[in-house]
């Protein structure tokens, strides 16, 4: 009897995806999940002063719970790049390479203190984000997953390495079709 293969959860797939280790030029990807149901996925470009927030306010990027949740920052972009921001009493963990570190096991010596702004909790720690750093923030039944992905270069297929000899038949077909359409259009 063959065992049925269990489907891989979204959390496992999301946290296993990595950018280039040590890379700082990329995109922060954040997913909000409830019981393995993806509620929202956003991508954040690097922009000075940008913060990703969670809370009950309508101004938060990820709205959770009712009025009982305070607004808190989970990621911020500074002159040094993206940082994950967390408190040691928050449930959740960091994945650095293949090493899993609970937030409660992190210290200010290894993580550092975030650049303070109005939505960073007192006593919060900051961990620099690169391609091999991922995190899970838990808020009851809702959790927020964060990882850093490489920037995909945008190339227009017709303009990159364009050589007329590669498109000769395309232009010939276009010319023939235009000639036939003009005959039909002007002959009637």
N, C-alpha and C. Protein backbone atom coordinates (compact mmCIF):
# COMPACT_ATOMS: atom_id res chain seq x y z
N UNK A 1 0.86 -1.18 0.00
CA UNK A 1 0.00 0.00 0.00
C UNK A 1 0.90 1.23 0.00
N UNK A 2 0.63 2.11 -0.93
CA UNK A 2 1.39 3.35 -1.00
C UNK A 2 0.83 4.36 -0.02
N UNK A 3 1.75 5.02 0.65
CA UNK A 3 1.34 6.10 1.54
C UNK A 3 1.04 7.33 0.71
N UNK A 4 -0.03 8.02 1.09
CA UNK A 4 -0.34 9.27 0.42
C UNK A 4 0.66 10.33 0.85
N UNK A 5 1.17 11.04 -0.11
CA UNK A 5 2.10 12.11 0.20
C UNK A 5 1.31 13.33 0.67
N UNK A 6 1.67 13.81 1.86
CA UNK A 6 0.98 14.99 2.38
C UNK A 6 1.38 16.21 1.59
N UNK A 7 0.42 17.08 1.28
CA UNK A 7 0.79 18.30 0.57
C UNK A 7 1.66 19.19 1.45
N UNK A 8 2.55 19.88 0.81
CA UNK A 8 3.44 20.80 1.53
C UNK A 8 2.66 22.06 1.87
N UNK A 9 2.77 22.49 3.11
CA UNK A 9 2.03 23.68 3.54
C UNK A 9 2.63 24.93 2.90
N UNK A 10 1.81 25.96 2.81
CA UNK A 10 2.28 27.23 2.27
C UNK A 10 3.44 27.77 3.11
N UNK A 11 3.32 27.66 4.42
CA UNK A 11 4.37 28.16 5.31
C UNK A 11 5.71 27.51 4.99
N UNK A 12 5.70 26.21 4.82
CA UNK A 12 6.96 25.50 4.54
C UNK A 12 7.55 25.93 3.21
N UNK A 13 6.71 26.07 2.19
CA UNK A 13 7.20 26.50 0.87
C UNK A 13 7.73 27.93 0.94
N UNK A 14 6.99 28.81 1.61
CA UNK A 14 7.38 30.22 1.69
C UNK A 14 8.70 30.38 2.43
N UNK A 15 8.85 29.70 3.56
CA UNK A 15 10.05 29.84 4.36
C UNK A 15 11.24 29.09 3.77
N UNK A 16 11.00 28.17 2.85
CA UNK A 16 12.14 27.49 2.22
C UNK A 16 12.68 28.27 1.02
N UNK A 17 11.89 29.21 0.51
CA UNK A 17 12.36 30.04 -0.61
C UNK A 17 13.37 31.05 -0.09
N UNK A 18 14.49 31.15 -0.78
CA UNK A 18 15.55 32.05 -0.34
C UNK A 18 16.06 32.88 -1.49
N UNK A 19 16.55 34.02 -1.15
CA UNK A 19 17.29 34.83 -2.11
C UNK A 19 18.75 34.42 -2.03
N UNK A 20 19.59 35.15 -2.70
CA UNK A 20 21.02 34.89 -2.65
C UNK A 20 21.54 35.22 -1.25
N UNK A 21 22.22 34.27 -0.57
CA UNK A 21 22.73 34.56 0.77
C UNK A 21 23.64 35.78 0.78
N UNK A 22 23.39 36.67 1.72
CA UNK A 22 24.18 37.89 1.85
C UNK A 22 23.74 39.02 0.94
N UNK A 23 22.81 38.75 0.02
CA UNK A 23 22.36 39.79 -0.91
C UNK A 23 21.53 40.83 -0.17
N UNK A 24 21.75 42.09 -0.49
CA UNK A 24 21.00 43.19 0.11
C UNK A 24 20.07 43.85 -0.90
N UNK A 25 20.31 43.64 -2.19
CA UNK A 25 19.50 44.27 -3.23
C UNK A 25 18.42 43.30 -3.67
N UNK A 26 17.25 43.46 -3.13
CA UNK A 26 16.16 42.57 -3.46
C UNK A 26 14.85 43.15 -2.98
N UNK A 27 13.87 42.28 -2.84
CA UNK A 27 12.52 42.69 -2.47
C UNK A 27 12.10 41.92 -1.23
N UNK A 28 11.51 42.62 -0.27
CA UNK A 28 10.97 41.98 0.92
C UNK A 28 9.58 41.49 0.58
N UNK A 29 9.34 40.20 0.77
CA UNK A 29 8.03 39.62 0.48
C UNK A 29 7.40 39.21 1.80
N UNK A 30 6.16 39.64 2.03
CA UNK A 30 5.47 39.40 3.29
C UNK A 30 4.11 38.78 3.01
N UNK A 31 3.80 37.69 3.73
CA UNK A 31 2.52 37.00 3.55
C UNK A 31 1.78 36.93 4.88
N UNK A 32 0.48 37.17 4.83
CA UNK A 32 -0.38 37.03 6.00
C UNK A 32 -1.19 35.75 5.80
N UNK A 33 -1.10 34.83 6.78
CA UNK A 33 -1.71 33.51 6.65
C UNK A 33 -2.59 33.23 7.86
N UNK A 34 -3.75 32.62 7.60
CA UNK A 34 -4.66 32.19 8.66
C UNK A 34 -5.00 30.74 8.40
N UNK A 35 -4.59 29.84 9.26
CA UNK A 35 -4.84 28.39 9.12
C UNK A 35 -4.42 27.87 7.75
N UNK A 36 -3.26 28.21 7.29
CA UNK A 36 -2.71 27.80 5.99
C UNK A 36 -3.54 28.33 4.81
N UNK A 37 -4.33 29.36 5.07
CA UNK A 37 -5.04 30.07 4.00
C UNK A 37 -4.36 31.41 3.84
N UNK A 38 -3.86 31.67 2.66
CA UNK A 38 -3.15 32.92 2.40
C UNK A 38 -4.16 34.04 2.27
N UNK A 39 -4.04 35.02 3.14
CA UNK A 39 -4.96 36.16 3.13
C UNK A 39 -4.42 37.31 2.28
N UNK A 40 -3.10 37.47 2.28
CA UNK A 40 -2.52 38.62 1.58
C UNK A 40 -1.02 38.39 1.40
N UNK A 41 -0.50 38.73 0.23
CA UNK A 41 0.94 38.71 -0.02
C UNK A 41 1.31 40.05 -0.63
N UNK A 42 2.33 40.68 -0.08
CA UNK A 42 2.80 41.96 -0.61
C UNK A 42 4.31 41.89 -0.82
N UNK A 43 4.77 42.70 -1.76
CA UNK A 43 6.21 42.84 -2.02
C UNK A 43 6.58 44.29 -1.78
N UNK A 44 7.67 44.49 -1.06
CA UNK A 44 8.09 45.84 -0.70
C UNK A 44 9.47 46.14 -1.29
N UNK A 45 9.50 47.17 -2.10
CA UNK A 45 10.77 47.65 -2.67
C UNK A 45 11.53 48.41 -1.59
N UNK A 46 12.82 48.49 -1.75
CA UNK A 46 13.66 49.24 -0.82
C UNK A 46 13.40 50.73 -0.99
N UNK A 47 12.96 51.37 0.07
CA UNK A 47 12.68 52.81 0.05
C UNK A 47 12.96 53.35 1.46
N UNK A 48 13.79 54.36 1.54
CA UNK A 48 14.19 54.91 2.83
C UNK A 48 12.97 55.28 3.67
N UNK A 49 12.97 54.83 4.93
CA UNK A 49 11.90 55.18 5.86
C UNK A 49 10.68 54.29 5.77
N UNK A 50 10.65 53.31 4.88
CA UNK A 50 9.48 52.44 4.73
C UNK A 50 9.40 51.47 5.90
N UNK A 51 8.18 51.30 6.44
CA UNK A 51 7.93 50.37 7.53
C UNK A 51 6.78 49.43 7.14
N UNK A 52 6.86 48.20 7.59
CA UNK A 52 5.77 47.24 7.43
C UNK A 52 5.19 47.05 8.82
N UNK A 53 3.89 47.35 8.98
CA UNK A 53 3.27 47.35 10.30
C UNK A 53 2.13 46.35 10.41
N UNK A 54 1.90 45.90 11.65
CA UNK A 54 0.83 44.97 11.99
C UNK A 54 0.07 45.57 13.16
N UNK A 55 -1.25 45.44 13.16
CA UNK A 55 -2.04 45.94 14.28
C UNK A 55 -3.51 46.01 13.93
N UNK A 56 -4.28 46.65 14.79
CA UNK A 56 -5.72 46.74 14.56
C UNK A 56 -6.12 48.04 13.88
N UNK A 57 -5.21 48.95 13.69
CA UNK A 57 -5.51 50.23 13.04
C UNK A 57 -5.71 50.05 11.54
N UNK A 58 -6.57 50.83 10.98
CA UNK A 58 -6.80 50.76 9.53
C UNK A 58 -5.59 51.23 8.72
N UNK A 59 -4.64 51.87 9.37
CA UNK A 59 -3.45 52.38 8.70
C UNK A 59 -2.30 51.36 8.67
N UNK A 60 -2.50 50.20 9.29
CA UNK A 60 -1.48 49.16 9.29
C UNK A 60 -1.48 48.43 7.95
N UNK A 61 -0.32 47.90 7.57
CA UNK A 61 -0.24 47.09 6.36
C UNK A 61 -1.00 45.79 6.51
N UNK A 62 -0.96 45.22 7.72
CA UNK A 62 -1.64 43.95 8.00
C UNK A 62 -2.52 44.15 9.22
N UNK A 63 -3.83 44.10 9.02
CA UNK A 63 -4.79 44.35 10.08
C UNK A 63 -5.16 43.02 10.72
N UNK A 64 -4.92 42.92 12.02
CA UNK A 64 -5.25 41.70 12.76
C UNK A 64 -6.05 42.07 13.99
N UNK A 65 -6.94 41.18 14.39
CA UNK A 65 -7.68 41.34 15.62
C UNK A 65 -8.57 42.57 15.64
N UNK A 66 -9.02 42.87 16.83
CA UNK A 66 -9.86 44.04 17.02
C UNK A 66 -9.02 45.14 17.67
N UNK A 67 -9.67 46.03 18.38
CA UNK A 67 -8.97 47.18 18.94
C UNK A 67 -7.94 46.84 20.01
N UNK A 68 -7.81 45.58 20.38
CA UNK A 68 -6.88 45.20 21.44
C UNK A 68 -5.42 45.16 21.01
N UNK A 69 -5.15 45.08 19.70
CA UNK A 69 -3.77 44.97 19.24
C UNK A 69 -3.16 46.34 18.99
N UNK A 70 -1.98 46.53 19.53
CA UNK A 70 -1.26 47.77 19.27
C UNK A 70 -0.55 47.67 17.92
N UNK A 71 -0.33 48.79 17.31
CA UNK A 71 0.41 48.82 16.06
C UNK A 71 1.88 48.58 16.35
N UNK A 72 2.47 47.66 15.60
CA UNK A 72 3.90 47.42 15.77
C UNK A 72 4.55 47.21 14.40
N UNK A 73 5.81 47.54 14.34
CA UNK A 73 6.58 47.39 13.11
C UNK A 73 7.21 46.00 13.10
N UNK A 74 7.11 45.29 11.97
CA UNK A 74 7.78 43.99 11.85
C UNK A 74 8.99 44.07 10.92
N UNK A 75 9.03 45.10 10.07
CA UNK A 75 10.18 45.30 9.18
C UNK A 75 10.30 46.78 8.87
N UNK A 76 11.52 47.25 8.71
CA UNK A 76 11.74 48.64 8.33
C UNK A 76 12.96 48.73 7.44
N UNK A 77 12.94 49.72 6.57
CA UNK A 77 14.08 49.93 5.69
C UNK A 77 14.86 51.14 6.18
N UNK A 78 16.15 50.95 6.40
CA UNK A 78 17.02 52.04 6.84
C UNK A 78 18.16 52.18 5.83
N UNK A 79 19.08 53.04 6.12
CA UNK A 79 20.22 53.22 5.23
C UNK A 79 21.08 51.95 5.13
N UNK A 80 20.95 51.05 6.09
CA UNK A 80 21.70 49.79 6.08
C UNK A 80 20.93 48.66 5.41
N UNK A 81 19.73 48.91 4.90
CA UNK A 81 18.92 47.88 4.27
C UNK A 81 17.72 47.50 5.14
N UNK A 82 17.04 46.42 4.76
CA UNK A 82 15.87 45.96 5.50
C UNK A 82 16.29 45.36 6.83
N UNK A 83 15.46 45.58 7.85
CA UNK A 83 15.65 44.97 9.17
C UNK A 83 14.33 44.36 9.62
N UNK A 84 14.39 43.17 10.21
CA UNK A 84 13.22 42.60 10.88
C UNK A 84 13.20 43.16 12.29
N UNK A 85 12.04 43.59 12.75
CA UNK A 85 11.91 44.20 14.07
C UNK A 85 10.98 43.32 14.90
N UNK A 86 11.45 42.91 16.08
CA UNK A 86 10.65 42.03 16.94
C UNK A 86 11.02 42.26 18.39
N UNK A 87 10.17 41.77 19.27
CA UNK A 87 10.42 41.82 20.70
C UNK A 87 10.64 40.39 21.17
N UNK A 88 11.47 40.19 22.17
CA UNK A 88 11.78 38.82 22.60
C UNK A 88 10.59 38.11 23.23
N UNK A 89 9.54 38.84 23.63
CA UNK A 89 8.36 38.18 24.18
C UNK A 89 7.33 37.88 23.09
N UNK A 90 7.60 38.24 21.84
CA UNK A 90 6.71 37.90 20.74
C UNK A 90 6.89 36.44 20.38
N UNK A 91 5.80 35.71 20.13
CA UNK A 91 5.96 34.35 19.62
C UNK A 91 6.40 34.41 18.16
N UNK A 92 7.27 33.53 17.79
CA UNK A 92 7.76 33.49 16.42
C UNK A 92 9.23 33.14 16.40
N UNK A 93 9.81 33.15 15.20
CA UNK A 93 11.21 32.77 15.09
C UNK A 93 11.85 33.35 13.85
N UNK A 94 13.18 33.35 13.87
CA UNK A 94 14.01 33.71 12.71
C UNK A 94 14.59 32.43 12.14
N UNK A 95 14.71 32.35 10.83
CA UNK A 95 15.46 31.29 10.17
C UNK A 95 16.64 31.96 9.50
N UNK A 96 17.85 31.64 9.95
CA UNK A 96 19.06 32.19 9.35
C UNK A 96 19.80 31.01 8.74
N UNK A 97 19.76 30.92 7.41
CA UNK A 97 20.27 29.73 6.75
C UNK A 97 19.36 28.57 7.13
N UNK A 98 19.92 27.54 7.73
CA UNK A 98 19.12 26.41 8.20
C UNK A 98 18.91 26.43 9.71
N UNK A 99 19.39 27.47 10.37
CA UNK A 99 19.29 27.57 11.83
C UNK A 99 18.02 28.32 12.23
N UNK A 100 17.23 27.68 13.11
CA UNK A 100 15.99 28.29 13.59
C UNK A 100 16.24 28.89 14.97
N UNK A 101 15.95 30.19 15.11
CA UNK A 101 16.14 30.89 16.38
C UNK A 101 14.81 31.49 16.83
N UNK A 102 14.28 31.06 17.97
CA UNK A 102 13.07 31.71 18.49
C UNK A 102 13.39 33.15 18.87
N UNK A 103 12.40 34.03 18.74
CA UNK A 103 12.61 35.43 19.12
C UNK A 103 13.08 35.52 20.57
N UNK A 104 12.55 34.64 21.42
CA UNK A 104 12.90 34.69 22.84
C UNK A 104 14.37 34.36 23.09
N UNK A 105 15.03 33.69 22.14
CA UNK A 105 16.43 33.34 22.31
C UNK A 105 17.40 34.35 21.72
N UNK A 106 16.90 35.44 21.21
CA UNK A 106 17.76 36.46 20.60
C UNK A 106 18.14 37.51 21.65
N UNK A 107 19.33 38.06 21.50
CA UNK A 107 19.78 39.09 22.44
C UNK A 107 20.17 40.35 21.65
N UNK A 108 20.28 41.45 22.37
CA UNK A 108 20.65 42.71 21.72
C UNK A 108 22.08 42.67 21.19
N UNK A 109 22.92 41.79 21.74
CA UNK A 109 24.30 41.68 21.26
C UNK A 109 24.37 41.13 19.85
N UNK A 110 23.49 40.17 19.51
CA UNK A 110 23.53 39.59 18.17
C UNK A 110 22.58 40.27 17.20
N UNK A 111 21.56 40.92 17.70
CA UNK A 111 20.55 41.49 16.81
C UNK A 111 20.68 43.00 16.64
N UNK A 112 20.92 43.72 17.70
CA UNK A 112 20.99 45.17 17.61
C UNK A 112 19.66 45.81 17.91
N UNK A 113 19.67 47.11 18.01
CA UNK A 113 18.48 47.88 18.34
C UNK A 113 18.02 48.60 17.08
N UNK A 114 16.71 48.56 16.79
CA UNK A 114 16.22 49.21 15.57
C UNK A 114 16.27 50.73 15.67
N UNK A 115 16.27 51.35 14.52
CA UNK A 115 16.15 52.80 14.46
C UNK A 115 14.77 53.13 15.00
N UNK A 116 14.71 53.94 16.04
CA UNK A 116 13.41 54.16 16.68
C UNK A 116 12.55 55.09 15.83
N UNK A 117 11.28 54.73 15.78
CA UNK A 117 10.26 55.59 15.19
C UNK A 117 8.99 55.40 16.01
N UNK A 118 7.92 55.98 15.60
CA UNK A 118 6.72 55.99 16.43
C UNK A 118 6.07 54.62 16.60
N UNK A 119 6.34 53.66 15.71
CA UNK A 119 5.67 52.37 15.81
C UNK A 119 6.60 51.22 16.19
N UNK A 120 7.80 51.52 16.67
CA UNK A 120 8.70 50.47 17.16
C UNK A 120 8.49 50.37 18.66
N UNK A 121 8.19 49.15 19.12
CA UNK A 121 7.94 48.93 20.54
C UNK A 121 9.22 49.16 21.36
N UNK A 122 9.08 49.65 22.59
CA UNK A 122 10.26 49.77 23.46
C UNK A 122 10.84 48.37 23.72
N UNK A 123 12.15 48.27 23.69
CA UNK A 123 12.81 46.99 23.93
C UNK A 123 12.88 46.10 22.70
N UNK A 124 12.48 46.60 21.55
CA UNK A 124 12.50 45.79 20.33
C UNK A 124 13.94 45.58 19.85
N UNK A 125 14.13 44.49 19.13
CA UNK A 125 15.42 44.17 18.52
C UNK A 125 15.28 44.22 17.01
N UNK A 126 16.38 44.40 16.32
CA UNK A 126 16.37 44.45 14.85
C UNK A 126 17.40 43.46 14.32
N UNK A 127 17.02 42.73 13.28
CA UNK A 127 17.93 41.78 12.67
C UNK A 127 18.04 42.12 11.19
N UNK A 128 19.25 42.29 10.66
CA UNK A 128 19.39 42.66 9.24
C UNK A 128 18.90 41.54 8.32
N UNK A 129 18.21 41.92 7.28
CA UNK A 129 17.63 40.95 6.35
C UNK A 129 18.53 40.82 5.13
N UNK A 130 18.79 39.58 4.76
CA UNK A 130 19.49 39.28 3.52
C UNK A 130 18.80 38.06 2.91
N UNK A 131 19.36 37.53 1.85
CA UNK A 131 18.72 36.44 1.13
C UNK A 131 18.51 35.16 1.92
N UNK A 132 19.28 34.93 2.97
CA UNK A 132 19.13 33.68 3.71
C UNK A 132 18.44 33.86 5.06
N UNK A 133 17.74 34.99 5.26
CA UNK A 133 17.03 35.27 6.51
C UNK A 133 15.53 35.27 6.24
N UNK A 134 14.80 34.47 7.03
CA UNK A 134 13.34 34.43 6.94
C UNK A 134 12.78 34.52 8.35
N UNK A 135 11.49 34.85 8.49
CA UNK A 135 10.91 34.98 9.83
C UNK A 135 9.43 34.63 9.81
N UNK A 136 8.96 34.23 11.00
CA UNK A 136 7.53 33.97 11.21
C UNK A 136 7.12 34.72 12.48
N UNK A 137 6.13 35.61 12.35
CA UNK A 137 5.56 36.35 13.47
C UNK A 137 4.18 35.74 13.73
N UNK A 138 3.89 35.37 14.98
CA UNK A 138 2.62 34.71 15.31
C UNK A 138 1.74 35.67 16.09
N UNK A 139 0.48 35.80 15.65
CA UNK A 139 -0.52 36.63 16.31
C UNK A 139 -1.78 35.79 16.47
N UNK A 140 -1.78 34.88 17.44
CA UNK A 140 -2.92 33.98 17.62
C UNK A 140 -3.00 33.00 16.46
N UNK A 141 -4.14 32.97 15.78
CA UNK A 141 -4.32 32.06 14.64
C UNK A 141 -3.77 32.64 13.34
N UNK A 142 -3.39 33.89 13.38
CA UNK A 142 -2.84 34.55 12.19
C UNK A 142 -1.33 34.62 12.34
N UNK A 143 -0.62 34.36 11.26
CA UNK A 143 0.82 34.55 11.31
C UNK A 143 1.30 35.27 10.06
N UNK A 144 2.40 35.97 10.24
CA UNK A 144 3.00 36.76 9.17
C UNK A 144 4.34 36.12 8.83
N UNK A 145 4.54 35.81 7.55
CA UNK A 145 5.78 35.22 7.07
C UNK A 145 6.55 36.27 6.28
N UNK A 146 7.85 36.32 6.48
CA UNK A 146 8.69 37.31 5.80
C UNK A 146 9.90 36.62 5.21
N UNK A 147 10.20 36.91 3.96
CA UNK A 147 11.47 36.48 3.37
C UNK A 147 11.94 37.51 2.35
N UNK A 148 13.16 37.36 1.93
CA UNK A 148 13.82 38.32 1.04
C UNK A 148 14.12 37.59 -0.26
N UNK A 149 13.64 38.12 -1.36
CA UNK A 149 13.86 37.47 -2.65
C UNK A 149 14.70 38.37 -3.55
N UNK A 150 15.39 37.74 -4.47
CA UNK A 150 16.22 38.48 -5.41
C UNK A 150 15.34 39.29 -6.36
N UNK A 151 15.85 40.42 -6.75
CA UNK A 151 15.15 41.26 -7.73
C UNK A 151 15.28 40.59 -9.10
N UNK A 152 14.17 40.47 -9.80
CA UNK A 152 14.18 39.86 -11.13
C UNK A 152 14.40 40.97 -12.15
N UNK A 153 15.42 40.82 -12.98
CA UNK A 153 15.65 41.87 -13.98
C UNK A 153 14.53 41.89 -15.00
N UNK A 154 14.11 43.08 -15.38
CA UNK A 154 13.03 43.23 -16.35
C UNK A 154 13.64 43.50 -17.72
N UNK A 155 13.37 42.61 -18.65
CA UNK A 155 13.92 42.74 -19.99
C UNK A 155 12.78 42.64 -20.99
N UNK A 156 12.71 43.60 -21.91
CA UNK A 156 11.73 43.51 -22.98
C UNK A 156 12.24 42.51 -24.01
N UNK A 157 11.45 41.48 -24.31
CA UNK A 157 11.97 40.42 -25.18
C UNK A 157 12.30 40.88 -26.59
N UNK A 158 11.60 41.85 -27.13
CA UNK A 158 11.87 42.27 -28.50
C UNK A 158 13.05 43.24 -28.60
N UNK A 159 13.37 43.91 -27.49
CA UNK A 159 14.42 44.92 -27.57
C UNK A 159 15.77 44.43 -27.07
N UNK A 160 15.78 43.43 -26.19
CA UNK A 160 17.04 42.91 -25.70
C UNK A 160 17.70 42.05 -26.78
N UNK A 161 18.94 42.33 -27.13
CA UNK A 161 19.67 41.60 -28.17
C UNK A 161 18.91 41.57 -29.50
N UNK A 162 18.29 42.65 -29.84
CA UNK A 162 17.48 42.71 -31.06
C UNK A 162 18.37 42.68 -32.30
N UNK A 163 18.06 41.74 -33.20
CA UNK A 163 18.75 41.65 -34.48
C UNK A 163 17.68 41.46 -35.55
N UNK A 164 17.71 42.29 -36.56
CA UNK A 164 16.69 42.24 -37.61
C UNK A 164 16.67 40.88 -38.31
N UNK A 165 17.83 40.23 -38.42
CA UNK A 165 17.88 38.94 -39.12
C UNK A 165 17.07 37.86 -38.40
N UNK A 166 16.89 37.99 -37.08
CA UNK A 166 16.11 37.00 -36.34
C UNK A 166 14.61 37.16 -36.56
N UNK A 167 14.18 38.32 -37.05
CA UNK A 167 12.76 38.61 -37.18
C UNK A 167 12.35 38.85 -38.63
N UNK A 168 13.15 38.38 -39.58
CA UNK A 168 12.86 38.60 -40.99
C UNK A 168 11.52 38.04 -41.41
N UNK A 169 11.21 36.81 -41.03
CA UNK A 169 9.93 36.21 -41.43
C UNK A 169 8.76 36.92 -40.76
N UNK A 170 8.93 37.41 -39.55
CA UNK A 170 7.87 38.15 -38.87
C UNK A 170 7.55 39.43 -39.64
N UNK A 171 8.59 40.18 -40.03
CA UNK A 171 8.36 41.42 -40.76
C UNK A 171 7.80 41.14 -42.16
N UNK A 172 8.24 40.07 -42.79
CA UNK A 172 7.71 39.72 -44.12
C UNK A 172 6.23 39.37 -44.01
N UNK A 173 5.85 38.60 -42.99
CA UNK A 173 4.45 38.25 -42.78
C UNK A 173 3.62 39.50 -42.48
N UNK A 174 4.16 40.39 -41.68
CA UNK A 174 3.45 41.63 -41.37
C UNK A 174 3.23 42.47 -42.64
N UNK A 175 4.23 42.56 -43.49
CA UNK A 175 4.12 43.34 -44.74
C UNK A 175 3.08 42.72 -45.67
N UNK A 176 3.08 41.40 -45.80
CA UNK A 176 2.11 40.72 -46.67
C UNK A 176 0.69 40.92 -46.15
N UNK A 177 0.49 40.78 -44.84
CA UNK A 177 -0.84 40.96 -44.26
C UNK A 177 -1.32 42.41 -44.43
N UNK A 178 -0.44 43.37 -44.23
CA UNK A 178 -0.83 44.77 -44.42
C UNK A 178 -1.21 45.03 -45.88
N UNK A 179 -0.46 44.46 -46.83
CA UNK A 179 -0.79 44.62 -48.25
C UNK A 179 -2.15 44.01 -48.57
N UNK A 180 -2.43 42.81 -48.06
CA UNK A 180 -3.73 42.17 -48.32
C UNK A 180 -4.87 42.96 -47.68
N UNK A 181 -4.69 43.43 -46.44
CA UNK A 181 -5.74 44.22 -45.79
C UNK A 181 -5.99 45.53 -46.54
N UNK A 182 -4.93 46.16 -47.04
CA UNK A 182 -5.12 47.41 -47.77
C UNK A 182 -5.85 47.17 -49.09
N UNK A 183 -5.58 46.05 -49.77
CA UNK A 183 -6.29 45.71 -51.02
C UNK A 183 -7.76 45.53 -50.72
N UNK A 184 -8.08 44.77 -49.69
CA UNK A 184 -9.49 44.51 -49.33
C UNK A 184 -10.15 45.82 -48.89
N UNK A 185 -9.50 46.62 -48.10
CA UNK A 185 -10.09 47.83 -47.59
C UNK A 185 -10.32 48.88 -48.70
N UNK A 186 -9.32 49.08 -49.57
CA UNK A 186 -9.43 50.11 -50.60
C UNK A 186 -10.16 49.62 -51.84
N UNK A 187 -10.29 48.31 -52.08
CA UNK A 187 -10.96 47.78 -53.26
C UNK A 187 -12.47 47.84 -53.11
N UNK A 188 -12.96 47.87 -51.91
CA UNK A 188 -14.42 47.90 -51.72
C UNK A 188 -14.98 49.27 -51.54
